[in-house]
Amino acid sequence: MQKLVTPQELKQKLIATLQSVSSQFPGVEGAPITNQKIKPDLVQEIEEMVVELEAINPNYRPLLFNPKLLDGAWQLLYSTAREIRNLSALPLGLKVGKIYQVIDVATQSFCNQAFVQHSLGLIEGEVKVTARFELVVDDKNLPDSRINVYFKQRYIGVSSIVGVNTPSLNPARIVPARSPVGRIPSLDITYLDETFRIGRGGEGSLFVLIKSNLD
């Protein structure tokens, strides 16, 4: 008789797979993996593990029964989203590092924060996008797993130049963050527990995140 795999075992297998893949690529430690970087058979293997995890999501209707699980800083491990893939081609020798999403359920707000640094260590900084979100409700006015996202501002900051801290340049620029024309971005939270989260964007993009301390 075949042994059933528990959510915890499957989650750890997925995390171990992503960490193993990450270690094979040069670059900034902690930078997320994208499907653009890896072979199609591995992309399919990751997708299959994700789908299996989504099917055994331990928190039914998470936004209704366990919304506080969303609170805190989440580090992005893997994504198929175009906006994440584009970060691998930053100009001027810049490389993306860790990417976080920090969520405050009480105020229905969050920020996406990507750390960047020059390949020679000449400059370090960050790009941060703030947003608010609203729960999408069903015909009984109850939330399920989808949120709509409304972007607010984009911050571009330089934290150091050749090792010298530059607080006056953080932020160096603040501009409005535009949402896509003609549609409201949405995110389905398809798996959620105390330390792990999977989300699907409105265009089918995949996000795999782990709860983390922001550093």
Protein backbone atom coordinates (compact mmCIF):
# COMPACT_ATOMS: atom_id res chain seq x y z
CA MET A 1 0.00 0.00 0.00
CA GLN A 2 1.44 3.37 -1.04
CA LYS A 3 2.15 5.79 1.79
CA LEU A 4 0.18 9.04 1.63
CA VAL A 5 2.31 12.16 1.49
CA THR A 6 1.38 14.77 4.10
CA PRO A 7 1.16 18.50 3.29
CA GLN A 8 4.22 19.09 5.46
CA GLU A 9 6.28 16.47 3.60
CA LEU A 10 5.24 17.78 0.21
CA LYS A 11 5.90 21.37 1.27
CA GLN A 12 9.39 20.49 2.47
CA LYS A 13 10.08 18.63 -0.78
CA LEU A 14 9.07 21.67 -2.81
CA ILE A 15 11.17 24.03 -0.67
CA ALA A 16 14.18 21.69 -0.90
CA THR A 17 13.78 21.50 -4.69
CA LEU A 18 13.68 25.29 -5.04
CA GLN A 19 16.65 25.78 -2.71
CA SER A 20 18.64 23.18 -4.63
CA VAL A 21 17.86 24.89 -7.93
CA SER A 22 18.74 28.30 -6.48
CA SER A 23 22.16 27.08 -5.37
CA GLN A 24 23.01 26.17 -8.97
CA PHE A 25 22.73 29.74 -10.24
CA PRO A 26 25.32 32.46 -9.63
CA GLY A 27 24.01 35.75 -8.38
CA VAL A 28 22.77 37.41 -5.22
CA GLU A 29 21.95 34.99 -2.41
CA GLY A 30 18.24 34.64 -1.79
CA ALA A 31 17.11 35.87 -5.22
CA PRO A 32 13.95 34.07 -6.35
CA ILE A 33 13.97 31.42 -9.06
CA THR A 34 11.80 31.92 -12.14
CA ASN A 35 10.60 29.45 -14.74
CA GLN A 36 12.68 31.37 -17.27
CA LYS A 37 15.89 30.15 -15.64
CA ILE A 38 15.25 26.41 -15.49
CA LYS A 39 14.51 23.51 -17.84
CA PRO A 40 10.91 22.80 -18.86
CA ASP A 41 10.83 19.38 -17.17
CA LEU A 42 11.79 20.97 -13.84
CA VAL A 43 9.18 23.71 -14.35
CA GLN A 44 6.62 20.93 -14.83
CA GLU A 45 7.83 19.07 -11.72
CA ILE A 46 7.47 22.23 -9.62
CA GLU A 47 4.02 22.91 -11.06
CA GLU A 48 2.89 19.36 -10.22
CA MET A 49 4.04 19.70 -6.61
CA VAL A 50 2.30 23.06 -6.35
CA VAL A 51 -0.97 21.68 -7.74
CA GLU A 52 -0.81 18.77 -5.32
CA LEU A 53 -0.27 21.15 -2.40
CA GLU A 54 -3.13 23.37 -3.54
CA ALA A 55 -5.42 20.34 -3.53
CA ILE A 56 -4.69 19.70 0.16
CA ASN A 57 -4.74 23.31 1.33
CA PRO A 58 -5.13 23.02 5.14
CA ASN A 59 -7.02 26.31 5.43
CA TYR A 60 -10.34 26.27 3.63
CA ARG A 61 -11.52 29.74 2.57
CA PRO A 62 -8.47 31.37 4.18
CA LEU A 63 -9.69 34.96 3.88
CA LEU A 64 -12.87 34.06 5.74
CA PHE A 65 -11.56 31.82 8.52
CA ASN A 66 -7.82 32.56 8.84
CA PRO A 67 -6.99 35.97 7.31
CA LYS A 68 -4.39 36.75 10.02
CA LEU A 69 -2.18 34.00 8.59
CA LEU A 70 -1.37 36.48 5.82
CA ASP A 71 0.22 38.98 8.21
CA GLY A 72 3.97 39.53 8.13
CA ALA A 73 6.89 39.38 5.73
CA TRP A 74 6.90 36.74 3.00
CA GLN A 75 10.00 35.97 0.95
CA LEU A 76 9.47 35.01 -2.68
CA LEU A 77 11.09 31.68 -3.59
CA TYR A 78 9.72 31.06 -7.07
CA SER A 79 7.57 32.80 -9.64
CA THR A 80 6.44 32.60 -13.24
CA ALA A 81 5.22 36.22 -13.28
CA ARG A 82 6.50 38.44 -16.08
CA GLU A 83 7.34 41.29 -13.70
CA ILE A 84 9.59 38.98 -11.66
CA ARG A 85 11.25 37.44 -14.73
CA ASN A 86 12.07 40.93 -16.02
CA LEU A 87 14.14 41.64 -12.92
CA SER A 88 16.79 39.20 -14.18
CA ALA A 89 17.70 41.72 -16.91
CA LEU A 90 18.37 44.86 -14.88
CA PRO A 91 20.70 47.42 -16.53
CA LEU A 92 24.09 48.80 -15.41
CA GLY A 93 25.28 45.56 -13.82
CA LEU A 94 22.53 45.51 -11.21
CA LYS A 95 21.34 42.16 -9.84
CA VAL A 96 18.13 41.44 -7.97
CA GLY A 97 18.40 39.91 -4.51
CA LYS A 98 15.73 38.91 -2.03
CA ILE A 99 12.16 39.92 -2.78
CA TYR A 100 9.58 40.29 -0.01
CA GLN A 101 5.89 40.97 0.29
CA VAL A 102 4.96 42.52 3.62
CA ILE A 103 1.26 42.31 4.47
CA ASP A 104 -0.80 44.12 7.11
CA VAL A 105 -4.25 42.55 7.22
CA ALA A 106 -5.64 45.10 9.69
CA THR A 107 -5.15 47.97 7.23
CA GLN A 108 -5.56 45.81 4.10
CA SER A 109 -2.24 47.07 2.80
CA PHE A 110 1.01 45.55 1.63
CA CYS A 111 4.28 46.43 -0.05
CA ASN A 112 6.45 44.51 -2.48
CA GLN A 113 10.12 45.09 -1.77
CA ALA A 114 12.99 44.00 -4.02
CA PHE A 115 16.59 44.48 -2.97
CA VAL A 116 19.17 45.10 -5.70
CA GLN A 117 22.92 45.44 -5.79
CA HIS A 118 25.65 45.97 -8.33
CA SER A 119 27.57 42.87 -9.41
CA LEU A 120 30.80 44.53 -8.21
CA GLY A 121 29.28 45.83 -4.98
CA LEU A 122 29.40 49.44 -6.13
CA ILE A 123 25.82 50.22 -5.16
CA GLU A 124 23.00 48.71 -3.12
CA GLY A 125 19.38 49.74 -3.02
CA GLU A 126 15.77 48.69 -3.22
CA VAL A 127 12.59 49.12 -5.19
CA LYS A 128 9.37 49.15 -3.16
CA VAL A 129 5.79 49.27 -4.38
CA THR A 130 2.96 50.00 -1.95
CA ALA A 131 -0.61 48.89 -2.46
CA ARG A 132 -3.93 48.30 -0.80
CA PHE A 133 -6.12 45.28 -1.29
CA GLU A 134 -9.76 44.39 -0.88
CA LEU A 135 -11.35 41.01 -0.31
CA VAL A 136 -13.45 39.67 -3.16
CA VAL A 137 -16.74 38.32 -1.77
CA ASP A 138 -19.20 35.75 -3.08
CA ASP A 139 -22.96 36.07 -3.54
CA LYS A 140 -23.38 35.74 0.25
CA ASN A 141 -21.00 38.66 0.82
CA LEU A 142 -18.33 36.35 2.25
CA PRO A 143 -14.65 36.29 1.24
CA ASP A 144 -12.97 33.16 -0.05
CA SER A 145 -9.41 33.27 -1.39
CA ARG A 146 -9.21 36.16 -3.86
CA ILE A 147 -8.09 39.73 -3.35
CA ASN A 148 -8.12 42.70 -5.71
CA VAL A 149 -4.99 44.84 -5.68
CA TYR A 150 -4.73 48.62 -6.08
CA PHE A 151 -1.17 49.86 -6.45
CA LYS A 152 -0.28 53.21 -4.88
CA GLN A 153 3.34 54.36 -5.05
CA ARG A 154 6.72 53.14 -6.23
CA TYR A 155 9.82 54.00 -4.21
CA ILE A 156 13.35 53.75 -5.59
CA GLY A 157 16.07 53.95 -2.98
CA VAL A 158 19.88 53.83 -2.86
CA SER A 159 21.04 52.52 0.51
CA SER A 160 24.81 52.64 -0.09
CA ILE A 161 27.41 53.62 -2.68
CA VAL A 162 30.80 51.86 -2.55
CA GLY A 163 30.00 50.79 0.99
CA VAL A 164 29.01 54.26 2.26
CA ASN A 165 25.45 54.57 3.58
CA THR A 166 23.32 57.11 1.71
CA PRO A 167 20.19 57.78 3.81
CA SER A 168 19.46 60.94 1.81
CA LEU A 169 18.94 58.77 -1.29
CA ASN A 170 16.53 56.35 0.35
CA PRO A 171 14.13 57.03 -1.18
CA ALA A 172 15.71 58.78 -4.12
CA ARG A 173 12.52 58.86 -6.12
CA ILE A 174 8.79 58.35 -5.49
CA VAL A 175 6.34 57.96 -8.37
CA PRO A 176 2.76 56.72 -8.72
CA ALA A 177 2.52 52.97 -9.29
CA ARG A 178 0.19 52.35 -12.19
CA SER A 179 -2.13 49.37 -12.39
CA PRO A 180 -2.69 47.64 -15.76
CA VAL A 181 -5.02 49.58 -18.05
CA GLY A 182 -8.54 48.20 -18.25
CA ARG A 183 -8.38 45.64 -15.46
CA ILE A 184 -7.96 45.28 -11.71
CA PRO A 185 -5.06 43.01 -10.71
CA SER A 186 -6.14 40.10 -8.54
CA LEU A 187 -4.49 37.29 -6.59
CA ASP A 188 -5.91 33.92 -5.55
CA ILE A 189 -4.40 32.51 -2.37
CA THR A 190 -4.42 28.82 -3.24
CA TYR A 191 -2.39 27.48 -0.30
CA LEU A 192 -1.82 29.06 3.09
CA ASP A 193 -0.46 27.92 6.42
CA GLU A 194 1.62 29.53 9.18
CA THR A 195 4.88 29.54 7.18
CA PHE A 196 4.08 28.89 3.52
CA ARG A 197 1.95 30.47 0.84
CA ILE A 198 1.09 29.87 -2.81
CA GLY A 199 -0.72 32.41 -4.96
CA ARG A 200 -2.00 32.62 -8.53
CA GLY A 201 -2.17 35.95 -10.31
CA GLY A 202 -4.95 37.07 -12.59
CA GLU A 203 -2.93 36.06 -15.67
CA GLY A 204 -2.13 32.62 -14.27
CA SER A 205 1.24 33.63 -12.83
CA LEU A 206 2.50 31.58 -9.90
CA PHE A 207 4.05 32.83 -6.66
CA VAL A 208 5.60 30.57 -3.99
CA LEU A 209 6.57 32.31 -0.74
CA ILE A 210 7.85 31.42 2.70
CA LYS A 211 7.32 33.39 5.93
CA SER A 212 10.51 35.19 6.83
CA ASN A 213 12.13 37.96 8.79
CA LEU A 214 12.74 41.01 6.62
CA ASP A 215 16.52 41.40 6.27
